[in-house]
Amino acid sequence: MVDSLYRPEEVDQELRPVFEQLAQEFSANYQVWRRVEDFGRFVSAAVLSPSSRVAVIVPLRTGLRSRSSLLTPSEIKKIREHLLSNSTNDLQL
């Protein structure tokens, strides 16, 4: 498993739009991370609050299936609400 801060040049073209969407929505106050597991078969994006160390994890590739759509407004709202809450647990969408 490899975790790294989001850098566009390190993300597959098919997944880049979701990472860009997260960066545009959240990078002013939060960090956007990339997690790669099992030689790239599993890829997730995470929005991390540096102060609370709480993250919201968005699975993007699971085996042969990749997310092909941007996040919906309700998913963005759910991410924002979780990061602003007093929760000490991570959330996986």
N, C-alpha and C. Protein backbone atom coordinates (compact mmCIF):
# COMPACT_ATOMS: atom_id res chain seq x y z
N MET A 1 0.85 -1.17 0.00
CA MET A 1 0.00 0.00 0.00
C MET A 1 0.89 1.23 0.00
N VAL A 2 0.54 2.19 -0.84
CA VAL A 2 1.30 3.43 -0.94
C VAL A 2 0.32 4.60 -0.80
N ASP A 3 0.59 5.47 0.16
CA ASP A 3 -0.17 6.71 0.34
C ASP A 3 0.71 7.87 -0.06
N SER A 4 0.15 8.82 -0.80
CA SER A 4 0.92 10.00 -1.18
C SER A 4 -0.03 11.17 -1.40
N LEU A 5 0.49 12.36 -1.21
CA LEU A 5 -0.30 13.56 -1.53
C LEU A 5 -0.62 13.55 -3.02
N TYR A 6 -1.78 14.07 -3.36
CA TYR A 6 -2.21 14.10 -4.75
C TYR A 6 -1.31 14.97 -5.59
N ARG A 7 -0.82 14.38 -6.67
CA ARG A 7 -0.08 15.10 -7.71
C ARG A 7 -0.67 14.63 -9.04
N PRO A 8 -1.17 15.55 -9.86
CA PRO A 8 -1.85 15.15 -11.10
C PRO A 8 -1.04 14.20 -11.97
N GLU A 9 0.26 14.41 -12.05
CA GLU A 9 1.08 13.59 -12.94
C GLU A 9 1.21 12.14 -12.46
N GLU A 10 0.81 11.85 -11.23
CA GLU A 10 0.93 10.50 -10.69
C GLU A 10 -0.40 9.73 -10.70
N VAL A 11 -1.43 10.32 -11.28
CA VAL A 11 -2.76 9.70 -11.27
C VAL A 11 -3.15 9.31 -12.69
N ASP A 12 -3.74 8.12 -12.85
CA ASP A 12 -4.22 7.67 -14.15
C ASP A 12 -5.21 8.68 -14.72
N GLN A 13 -5.17 8.86 -16.02
CA GLN A 13 -6.06 9.80 -16.71
C GLN A 13 -7.52 9.56 -16.38
N GLU A 14 -7.93 8.30 -16.30
CA GLU A 14 -9.35 8.00 -16.08
C GLU A 14 -9.82 8.40 -14.68
N LEU A 15 -8.91 8.49 -13.72
CA LEU A 15 -9.28 8.85 -12.35
C LEU A 15 -9.03 10.33 -12.03
N ARG A 16 -8.27 10.98 -12.87
CA ARG A 16 -7.87 12.36 -12.60
C ARG A 16 -9.04 13.33 -12.41
N PRO A 17 -10.15 13.22 -13.15
CA PRO A 17 -11.25 14.19 -12.94
C PRO A 17 -11.79 14.20 -11.50
N VAL A 18 -11.88 13.05 -10.87
CA VAL A 18 -12.39 13.01 -9.49
C VAL A 18 -11.37 13.64 -8.55
N PHE A 19 -10.09 13.35 -8.74
CA PHE A 19 -9.06 13.98 -7.91
C PHE A 19 -9.08 15.49 -8.09
N GLU A 20 -9.22 15.95 -9.33
CA GLU A 20 -9.28 17.39 -9.59
C GLU A 20 -10.49 18.02 -8.92
N GLN A 21 -11.62 17.33 -8.97
CA GLN A 21 -12.83 17.83 -8.32
C GLN A 21 -12.60 17.97 -6.82
N LEU A 22 -12.00 16.95 -6.20
CA LEU A 22 -11.72 17.01 -4.76
C LEU A 22 -10.74 18.14 -4.45
N ALA A 23 -9.72 18.29 -5.27
CA ALA A 23 -8.73 19.35 -5.04
C ALA A 23 -9.38 20.73 -5.14
N GLN A 24 -10.25 20.93 -6.13
CA GLN A 24 -10.92 22.23 -6.28
C GLN A 24 -11.85 22.51 -5.12
N GLU A 25 -12.55 21.50 -4.64
CA GLU A 25 -13.52 21.69 -3.56
C GLU A 25 -12.86 21.85 -2.18
N PHE A 26 -11.75 21.14 -1.95
CA PHE A 26 -11.27 21.00 -0.58
C PHE A 26 -9.82 21.41 -0.32
N SER A 27 -9.02 21.65 -1.34
CA SER A 27 -7.58 21.85 -1.10
C SER A 27 -7.24 23.12 -0.32
N ALA A 28 -8.15 24.07 -0.24
CA ALA A 28 -7.86 25.29 0.52
C ALA A 28 -7.71 25.00 2.02
N ASN A 29 -8.47 24.02 2.53
CA ASN A 29 -8.46 23.74 3.97
C ASN A 29 -8.02 22.32 4.32
N TYR A 30 -7.97 21.46 3.32
CA TYR A 30 -7.69 20.05 3.58
C TYR A 30 -6.65 19.53 2.60
N GLN A 31 -6.16 18.34 2.86
CA GLN A 31 -5.20 17.70 1.96
C GLN A 31 -5.92 16.61 1.17
N VAL A 32 -5.55 16.46 -0.09
CA VAL A 32 -6.08 15.38 -0.92
C VAL A 32 -4.96 14.36 -1.09
N TRP A 33 -5.27 13.12 -0.72
CA TRP A 33 -4.30 12.03 -0.77
C TRP A 33 -4.74 10.97 -1.76
N ARG A 34 -3.77 10.18 -2.19
CA ARG A 34 -4.02 9.05 -3.09
C ARG A 34 -3.50 7.80 -2.41
N ARG A 35 -4.29 6.74 -2.44
CA ARG A 35 -3.86 5.45 -1.90
C ARG A 35 -3.92 4.43 -3.04
N VAL A 36 -2.80 3.71 -3.22
CA VAL A 36 -2.72 2.66 -4.24
C VAL A 36 -2.38 1.36 -3.53
N GLU A 37 -3.18 0.34 -3.81
CA GLU A 37 -2.97 -0.98 -3.20
C GLU A 37 -2.94 -2.05 -4.27
N ASP A 38 -2.32 -3.16 -3.96
CA ASP A 38 -2.31 -4.35 -4.81
C ASP A 38 -1.90 -4.01 -6.24
N PHE A 39 -0.76 -3.33 -6.38
CA PHE A 39 -0.19 -3.01 -7.69
C PHE A 39 -1.14 -2.22 -8.58
N GLY A 40 -1.92 -1.33 -7.98
CA GLY A 40 -2.81 -0.45 -8.72
C GLY A 40 -4.20 -1.00 -8.96
N ARG A 41 -4.48 -2.19 -8.48
CA ARG A 41 -5.83 -2.74 -8.66
C ARG A 41 -6.86 -2.04 -7.78
N PHE A 42 -6.40 -1.44 -6.69
CA PHE A 42 -7.28 -0.69 -5.80
C PHE A 42 -6.71 0.71 -5.63
N VAL A 43 -7.51 1.71 -5.96
CA VAL A 43 -7.07 3.11 -5.84
C VAL A 43 -8.18 3.88 -5.15
N SER A 44 -7.80 4.69 -4.17
CA SER A 44 -8.75 5.54 -3.45
C SER A 44 -8.21 6.96 -3.38
N ALA A 45 -9.14 7.89 -3.28
CA ALA A 45 -8.79 9.27 -2.96
C ALA A 45 -9.23 9.50 -1.52
N ALA A 46 -8.53 10.38 -0.84
CA ALA A 46 -8.92 10.71 0.53
C ALA A 46 -8.77 12.21 0.74
N VAL A 47 -9.73 12.78 1.43
CA VAL A 47 -9.65 14.17 1.85
C VAL A 47 -9.36 14.13 3.35
N LEU A 48 -8.24 14.70 3.74
CA LEU A 48 -7.76 14.61 5.12
C LEU A 48 -7.75 15.98 5.78
N SER A 49 -8.28 16.03 6.99
CA SER A 49 -8.19 17.23 7.80
C SER A 49 -6.86 17.17 8.56
N PRO A 50 -5.92 18.07 8.28
CA PRO A 50 -4.63 18.02 8.96
C PRO A 50 -4.74 18.23 10.48
N SER A 51 -5.74 19.00 10.91
CA SER A 51 -5.84 19.28 12.34
C SER A 51 -6.41 18.12 13.13
N SER A 52 -7.44 17.46 12.61
CA SER A 52 -8.07 16.37 13.35
C SER A 52 -7.59 14.99 12.92
N ARG A 53 -6.90 14.93 11.78
CA ARG A 53 -6.41 13.67 11.21
C ARG A 53 -7.57 12.73 10.83
N VAL A 54 -8.73 13.29 10.58
CA VAL A 54 -9.89 12.54 10.12
C VAL A 54 -9.94 12.64 8.60
N ALA A 55 -10.28 11.52 7.95
CA ALA A 55 -10.31 11.48 6.50
C ALA A 55 -11.65 10.96 5.99
N VAL A 56 -11.95 11.36 4.77
CA VAL A 56 -13.06 10.77 4.03
C VAL A 56 -12.43 10.08 2.83
N ILE A 57 -12.70 8.78 2.70
CA ILE A 57 -12.07 7.95 1.68
C ILE A 57 -13.08 7.68 0.57
N VAL A 58 -12.64 7.88 -0.67
CA VAL A 58 -13.50 7.66 -1.83
C VAL A 58 -12.86 6.58 -2.70
N PRO A 59 -13.40 5.37 -2.69
CA PRO A 59 -12.85 4.32 -3.56
C PRO A 59 -13.06 4.69 -5.03
N LEU A 60 -12.00 4.59 -5.82
CA LEU A 60 -12.10 4.94 -7.24
C LEU A 60 -11.89 3.75 -8.16
N ARG A 61 -11.06 2.81 -7.75
CA ARG A 61 -10.86 1.60 -8.53
C ARG A 61 -10.84 0.41 -7.59
N THR A 62 -11.68 -0.56 -7.91
CA THR A 62 -11.74 -1.80 -7.15
C THR A 62 -11.63 -2.94 -8.15
N GLY A 63 -10.48 -3.56 -8.22
CA GLY A 63 -10.27 -4.61 -9.21
C GLY A 63 -10.37 -4.04 -10.61
N LEU A 64 -11.27 -4.57 -11.41
CA LEU A 64 -11.42 -4.12 -12.80
C LEU A 64 -12.43 -2.99 -12.94
N ARG A 65 -13.11 -2.62 -11.86
CA ARG A 65 -14.14 -1.58 -11.92
C ARG A 65 -13.58 -0.24 -11.46
N SER A 66 -13.77 0.78 -12.28
CA SER A 66 -13.34 2.14 -11.93
C SER A 66 -14.53 3.06 -11.91
N ARG A 67 -14.47 4.03 -11.03
CA ARG A 67 -15.53 5.05 -10.98
C ARG A 67 -15.37 5.92 -12.22
N SER A 68 -16.45 6.10 -12.94
CA SER A 68 -16.37 6.85 -14.19
C SER A 68 -17.07 8.20 -14.11
N SER A 69 -17.65 8.52 -12.96
CA SER A 69 -18.37 9.79 -12.84
C SER A 69 -17.79 10.64 -11.73
N LEU A 70 -18.02 11.94 -11.85
CA LEU A 70 -17.62 12.86 -10.80
C LEU A 70 -18.48 12.64 -9.56
N LEU A 71 -18.06 13.19 -8.46
CA LEU A 71 -18.84 13.11 -7.23
C LEU A 71 -20.10 13.96 -7.38
N THR A 72 -21.18 13.48 -6.80
CA THR A 72 -22.44 14.21 -6.86
C THR A 72 -22.42 15.32 -5.80
N PRO A 73 -23.31 16.32 -5.94
CA PRO A 73 -23.40 17.35 -4.91
C PRO A 73 -23.68 16.77 -3.52
N SER A 74 -24.47 15.71 -3.44
CA SER A 74 -24.76 15.12 -2.12
C SER A 74 -23.51 14.44 -1.54
N GLU A 75 -22.68 13.86 -2.39
CA GLU A 75 -21.43 13.26 -1.89
C GLU A 75 -20.46 14.34 -1.40
N ILE A 76 -20.37 15.44 -2.14
CA ILE A 76 -19.53 16.57 -1.71
C ILE A 76 -20.03 17.10 -0.37
N LYS A 77 -21.34 17.23 -0.24
CA LYS A 77 -21.92 17.71 1.02
C LYS A 77 -21.60 16.76 2.16
N LYS A 78 -21.71 15.46 1.92
CA LYS A 78 -21.42 14.46 2.95
C LYS A 78 -19.95 14.54 3.39
N ILE A 79 -19.05 14.73 2.43
CA ILE A 79 -17.62 14.88 2.75
C ILE A 79 -17.42 16.11 3.63
N ARG A 80 -17.97 17.23 3.19
CA ARG A 80 -17.80 18.49 3.93
C ARG A 80 -18.36 18.38 5.35
N GLU A 81 -19.56 17.81 5.48
CA GLU A 81 -20.18 17.68 6.79
C GLU A 81 -19.35 16.80 7.72
N HIS A 82 -18.81 15.72 7.18
CA HIS A 82 -18.02 14.83 8.03
C HIS A 82 -16.73 15.51 8.50
N LEU A 83 -16.09 16.24 7.61
CA LEU A 83 -14.84 16.91 7.98
C LEU A 83 -15.08 18.03 8.99
N LEU A 84 -16.25 18.64 8.95
CA LEU A 84 -16.56 19.72 9.88
C LEU A 84 -17.17 19.22 11.19
N SER A 85 -17.53 17.95 11.22
CA SER A 85 -18.12 17.39 12.43
C SER A 85 -17.03 17.14 13.47
N ASN A 86 -17.45 16.73 14.63
CA ASN A 86 -16.49 16.40 15.69
C ASN A 86 -16.14 14.92 15.69
N SER A 87 -16.42 14.24 14.61
CA SER A 87 -16.15 12.81 14.52
C SER A 87 -14.64 12.54 14.62
N THR A 88 -14.30 11.45 15.24
CA THR A 88 -12.90 11.03 15.33
C THR A 88 -12.65 9.82 14.44
N ASN A 89 -13.66 9.41 13.69
CA ASN A 89 -13.54 8.25 12.79
C ASN A 89 -13.51 8.69 11.35
N ASP A 90 -12.79 7.93 10.53
CA ASP A 90 -12.79 8.17 9.10
C ASP A 90 -14.12 7.71 8.52
N LEU A 91 -14.46 8.25 7.36
CA LEU A 91 -15.68 7.87 6.65
C LEU A 91 -15.28 7.35 5.27
N GLN A 92 -15.85 6.22 4.88
CA GLN A 92 -15.65 5.73 3.52
C GLN A 92 -16.95 5.86 2.77
N LEU A 93 -16.93 6.55 1.63
CA LEU A 93 -18.14 6.71 0.80
C LEU A 93 -18.42 5.42 0.07
